[in-house]
């Protein structure tokens, strides 16, 4: 499941593809990863067919929000692990 979460926060499709492929190596029956990988392949094919149509990059605040969210999740995991093992 970590690979699926990581795929949702990385910035580019190449990194997403690696995340989904790693997830499928661990669990070949994971339909979510398989579906998302197929979507990425369809998107890559569509971009090859129509190279002029490209999506605008995410705004800066969006990237900052994702980074802040990753920090909050990492802090929550750290606190939980510390609380479980140190308490």
N, C-alpha and C. Protein backbone atom coordinates (compact mmCIF):
# COMPACT_ATOMS: atom_id res chain seq x y z
N UNK A 1 0.81 -1.20 0.00
CA UNK A 1 0.00 0.00 0.00
C UNK A 1 0.85 1.27 0.00
N UNK A 2 2.06 1.17 0.52
CA UNK A 2 2.93 2.34 0.54
C UNK A 2 3.26 2.76 -0.88
N UNK A 3 3.44 1.79 -1.78
CA UNK A 3 3.75 2.14 -3.16
C UNK A 3 2.60 2.91 -3.80
N UNK A 4 1.37 2.54 -3.48
CA UNK A 4 0.22 3.26 -4.04
C UNK A 4 0.16 4.67 -3.49
N UNK A 5 0.45 4.82 -2.21
CA UNK A 5 0.46 6.17 -1.62
C UNK A 5 1.56 7.00 -2.26
N UNK A 6 2.74 6.40 -2.41
CA UNK A 6 3.86 7.14 -2.99
C UNK A 6 3.53 7.56 -4.42
N UNK A 7 2.85 6.71 -5.16
CA UNK A 7 2.47 7.06 -6.53
C UNK A 7 1.54 8.27 -6.55
N UNK A 8 0.79 8.48 -5.49
CA UNK A 8 -0.12 9.61 -5.46
C UNK A 8 0.56 10.93 -5.14
N UNK A 9 1.80 10.87 -4.64
CA UNK A 9 2.47 12.11 -4.27
C UNK A 9 3.68 12.46 -5.13
N UNK A 10 4.14 11.54 -5.98
CA UNK A 10 5.27 11.87 -6.84
C UNK A 10 4.84 12.81 -7.95
N UNK A 11 5.82 13.50 -8.56
CA UNK A 11 5.52 14.57 -9.51
C UNK A 11 5.38 14.14 -10.96
N UNK A 12 5.93 13.01 -11.34
CA UNK A 12 5.87 12.70 -12.77
C UNK A 12 5.42 11.26 -13.02
N UNK A 13 5.03 11.02 -14.25
CA UNK A 13 4.47 9.73 -14.62
C UNK A 13 5.51 8.61 -14.59
N UNK A 14 6.77 8.92 -14.86
CA UNK A 14 7.80 7.88 -14.80
C UNK A 14 7.93 7.33 -13.39
N UNK A 15 7.91 8.21 -12.40
CA UNK A 15 7.98 7.76 -11.01
C UNK A 15 6.72 6.98 -10.62
N UNK A 16 5.57 7.44 -11.10
CA UNK A 16 4.32 6.72 -10.82
C UNK A 16 4.37 5.31 -11.41
N UNK A 17 4.89 5.21 -12.62
CA UNK A 17 4.99 3.91 -13.28
C UNK A 17 5.86 2.95 -12.44
N UNK A 18 6.98 3.45 -11.92
CA UNK A 18 7.85 2.62 -11.08
C UNK A 18 7.11 2.17 -9.82
N UNK A 19 6.36 3.07 -9.23
CA UNK A 19 5.60 2.72 -8.01
C UNK A 19 4.58 1.62 -8.30
N UNK A 20 3.83 1.77 -9.38
CA UNK A 20 2.82 0.76 -9.72
C UNK A 20 3.46 -0.57 -10.09
N UNK A 21 4.59 -0.53 -10.79
CA UNK A 21 5.28 -1.77 -11.15
C UNK A 21 5.81 -2.47 -9.90
N UNK A 22 6.33 -1.70 -8.95
CA UNK A 22 6.80 -2.29 -7.69
C UNK A 22 5.65 -2.90 -6.92
N UNK A 23 4.51 -2.23 -6.91
CA UNK A 23 3.34 -2.76 -6.23
C UNK A 23 2.91 -4.08 -6.85
N UNK A 24 2.94 -4.15 -8.18
CA UNK A 24 2.53 -5.38 -8.86
C UNK A 24 3.54 -6.51 -8.65
N UNK A 25 4.80 -6.17 -8.43
CA UNK A 25 5.78 -7.21 -8.11
C UNK A 25 5.47 -7.82 -6.75
N UNK A 26 5.07 -6.98 -5.81
CA UNK A 26 4.74 -7.47 -4.46
C UNK A 26 3.40 -8.19 -4.43
N UNK A 27 2.44 -7.66 -5.20
CA UNK A 27 1.09 -8.23 -5.20
C UNK A 27 0.54 -8.19 -6.62
N UNK A 28 0.79 -9.24 -7.41
CA UNK A 28 0.37 -9.24 -8.82
C UNK A 28 -1.14 -9.15 -9.01
N UNK A 29 -1.91 -9.43 -8.00
CA UNK A 29 -3.37 -9.38 -8.15
C UNK A 29 -3.97 -8.03 -7.76
N UNK A 30 -3.14 -7.02 -7.48
CA UNK A 30 -3.64 -5.72 -7.08
C UNK A 30 -4.25 -5.00 -8.29
N UNK A 31 -5.56 -4.90 -8.30
CA UNK A 31 -6.28 -4.33 -9.44
C UNK A 31 -6.08 -2.82 -9.55
N UNK A 32 -5.95 -2.14 -8.42
CA UNK A 32 -5.76 -0.69 -8.46
C UNK A 32 -4.46 -0.34 -9.17
N UNK A 33 -3.39 -1.00 -8.79
CA UNK A 33 -2.09 -0.73 -9.43
C UNK A 33 -2.14 -1.09 -10.91
N UNK A 34 -2.77 -2.20 -11.24
CA UNK A 34 -2.87 -2.63 -12.63
C UNK A 34 -3.66 -1.61 -13.46
N UNK A 35 -4.77 -1.14 -12.90
CA UNK A 35 -5.62 -0.15 -13.59
C UNK A 35 -4.87 1.17 -13.80
N UNK A 36 -4.17 1.62 -12.76
CA UNK A 36 -3.44 2.88 -12.87
C UNK A 36 -2.28 2.77 -13.86
N UNK A 37 -1.64 1.62 -13.91
CA UNK A 37 -0.56 1.41 -14.87
C UNK A 37 -1.12 1.43 -16.30
N UNK A 38 -2.30 0.85 -16.49
CA UNK A 38 -2.93 0.89 -17.81
C UNK A 38 -3.29 2.32 -18.20
N UNK A 39 -3.77 3.11 -17.24
CA UNK A 39 -4.08 4.52 -17.52
C UNK A 39 -2.84 5.29 -17.93
N UNK A 40 -1.71 5.02 -17.25
CA UNK A 40 -0.47 5.69 -17.61
C UNK A 40 -0.03 5.30 -19.03
N UNK A 41 -0.21 4.03 -19.38
CA UNK A 41 0.15 3.60 -20.73
C UNK A 41 -0.74 4.26 -21.77
N UNK A 42 -2.03 4.37 -21.48
CA UNK A 42 -2.95 5.04 -22.40
C UNK A 42 -2.59 6.52 -22.54
N UNK A 43 -2.24 7.14 -21.43
CA UNK A 43 -1.86 8.55 -21.46
C UNK A 43 -0.59 8.76 -22.29
N UNK A 44 0.40 7.87 -22.12
CA UNK A 44 1.64 7.97 -22.88
C UNK A 44 1.36 7.78 -24.37
N UNK A 45 0.48 6.86 -24.69
CA UNK A 45 0.12 6.63 -26.09
C UNK A 45 -0.59 7.85 -26.67
N UNK A 46 -1.50 8.45 -25.90
CA UNK A 46 -2.22 9.64 -26.37
C UNK A 46 -1.26 10.81 -26.57
N UNK A 47 -0.27 10.94 -25.70
CA UNK A 47 0.71 12.02 -25.84
C UNK A 47 1.59 11.81 -27.08
N UNK A 48 1.86 10.55 -27.40
CA UNK A 48 2.63 10.28 -28.62
C UNK A 48 1.80 10.59 -29.87
N UNK A 49 0.51 10.32 -29.78
CA UNK A 49 -0.37 10.56 -30.93
C UNK A 49 -0.63 12.06 -31.13
N UNK A 50 -0.72 12.82 -30.05
CA UNK A 50 -1.00 14.25 -30.09
C UNK A 50 0.03 15.00 -29.25
N UNK A 51 1.24 15.20 -29.78
CA UNK A 51 2.30 15.80 -28.96
C UNK A 51 2.05 17.26 -28.58
N UNK A 52 1.18 17.97 -29.30
CA UNK A 52 0.93 19.37 -28.99
C UNK A 52 0.07 19.58 -27.76
N UNK A 53 -0.72 18.58 -27.40
CA UNK A 53 -1.62 18.69 -26.24
C UNK A 53 -0.93 18.17 -25.00
N UNK A 54 -0.45 19.06 -24.19
CA UNK A 54 0.17 18.65 -22.95
C UNK A 54 -0.48 19.37 -21.79
N UNK A 55 -0.59 18.65 -20.70
CA UNK A 55 -1.21 19.19 -19.51
C UNK A 55 -0.28 20.22 -18.85
N UNK A 56 -0.87 21.28 -18.32
CA UNK A 56 -0.09 22.28 -17.60
C UNK A 56 0.46 21.67 -16.31
N UNK A 57 1.66 22.09 -15.90
CA UNK A 57 2.19 21.57 -14.62
C UNK A 57 1.34 22.07 -13.45
N UNK A 58 1.41 21.32 -12.37
CA UNK A 58 0.66 21.69 -11.18
C UNK A 58 1.17 23.02 -10.64
N UNK A 59 0.27 23.86 -10.11
CA UNK A 59 0.72 25.14 -9.53
C UNK A 59 1.64 24.90 -8.33
N UNK A 60 2.43 25.91 -8.02
CA UNK A 60 3.40 25.78 -6.93
C UNK A 60 2.73 25.46 -5.60
N UNK A 61 1.58 26.08 -5.33
CA UNK A 61 0.93 25.83 -4.05
C UNK A 61 0.51 24.37 -3.94
N UNK A 62 0.17 23.75 -5.07
CA UNK A 62 -0.24 22.35 -5.06
C UNK A 62 0.93 21.47 -4.66
N UNK A 63 2.12 21.75 -5.21
CA UNK A 63 3.30 20.99 -4.86
C UNK A 63 3.67 21.21 -3.40
N UNK A 64 3.53 22.44 -2.91
CA UNK A 64 3.81 22.73 -1.50
C UNK A 64 2.83 21.98 -0.60
N UNK A 65 1.56 21.94 -0.99
CA UNK A 65 0.56 21.24 -0.19
C UNK A 65 0.88 19.76 -0.09
N UNK A 66 1.29 19.15 -1.20
CA UNK A 66 1.63 17.73 -1.18
C UNK A 66 2.85 17.48 -0.29
N UNK A 67 3.83 18.36 -0.36
CA UNK A 67 5.02 18.22 0.48
C UNK A 67 4.65 18.35 1.95
N UNK A 68 3.80 19.32 2.27
CA UNK A 68 3.35 19.50 3.66
C UNK A 68 2.58 18.27 4.13
N UNK A 69 1.76 17.71 3.27
CA UNK A 69 1.00 16.52 3.62
C UNK A 69 1.93 15.34 3.89
N UNK A 70 2.97 15.19 3.06
CA UNK A 70 3.94 14.12 3.29
C UNK A 70 4.63 14.30 4.63
N UNK A 71 4.97 15.55 4.97
CA UNK A 71 5.61 15.82 6.25
C UNK A 71 4.69 15.46 7.41
N UNK A 72 3.43 15.83 7.32
CA UNK A 72 2.47 15.53 8.39
C UNK A 72 2.31 14.03 8.57
N UNK A 73 2.20 13.30 7.46
CA UNK A 73 2.05 11.85 7.55
C UNK A 73 3.30 11.22 8.15
N UNK A 74 4.48 11.68 7.72
CA UNK A 74 5.72 11.13 8.27
C UNK A 74 5.82 11.42 9.77
N UNK A 75 5.43 12.62 10.18
CA UNK A 75 5.47 12.97 11.60
C UNK A 75 4.49 12.10 12.39
N UNK A 76 3.31 11.86 11.84
CA UNK A 76 2.33 11.02 12.52
C UNK A 76 2.84 9.59 12.68
N UNK A 77 3.48 9.08 11.64
CA UNK A 77 4.04 7.72 11.72
C UNK A 77 5.15 7.68 12.76
N UNK A 78 6.03 8.67 12.74
CA UNK A 78 7.12 8.72 13.72
C UNK A 78 6.58 8.76 15.14
N UNK A 79 5.61 9.62 15.40
CA UNK A 79 5.05 9.75 16.75
C UNK A 79 4.38 8.45 17.17
N UNK A 80 3.66 7.83 16.26
CA UNK A 80 2.99 6.56 16.59
C UNK A 80 4.01 5.48 16.93
N UNK A 81 5.03 5.35 16.11
CA UNK A 81 6.06 4.34 16.37
C UNK A 81 6.78 4.64 17.67
N UNK A 82 7.13 5.90 17.91
CA UNK A 82 7.79 6.27 19.16
C UNK A 82 6.90 5.95 20.35
N UNK A 83 5.63 6.26 20.25
CA UNK A 83 4.70 6.05 21.35
C UNK A 83 4.54 4.55 21.65
N UNK A 84 4.48 3.73 20.60
CA UNK A 84 4.30 2.29 20.77
C UNK A 84 5.55 1.66 21.37
N UNK A 85 6.73 2.02 20.90
CA UNK A 85 7.94 1.37 21.35
C UNK A 85 8.59 2.01 22.57
N UNK A 86 8.32 3.27 22.82
CA UNK A 86 8.96 3.93 23.96
C UNK A 86 8.05 4.05 25.18
N UNK A 87 6.78 3.91 24.98
CA UNK A 87 5.86 4.07 26.11
C UNK A 87 5.77 2.83 26.95
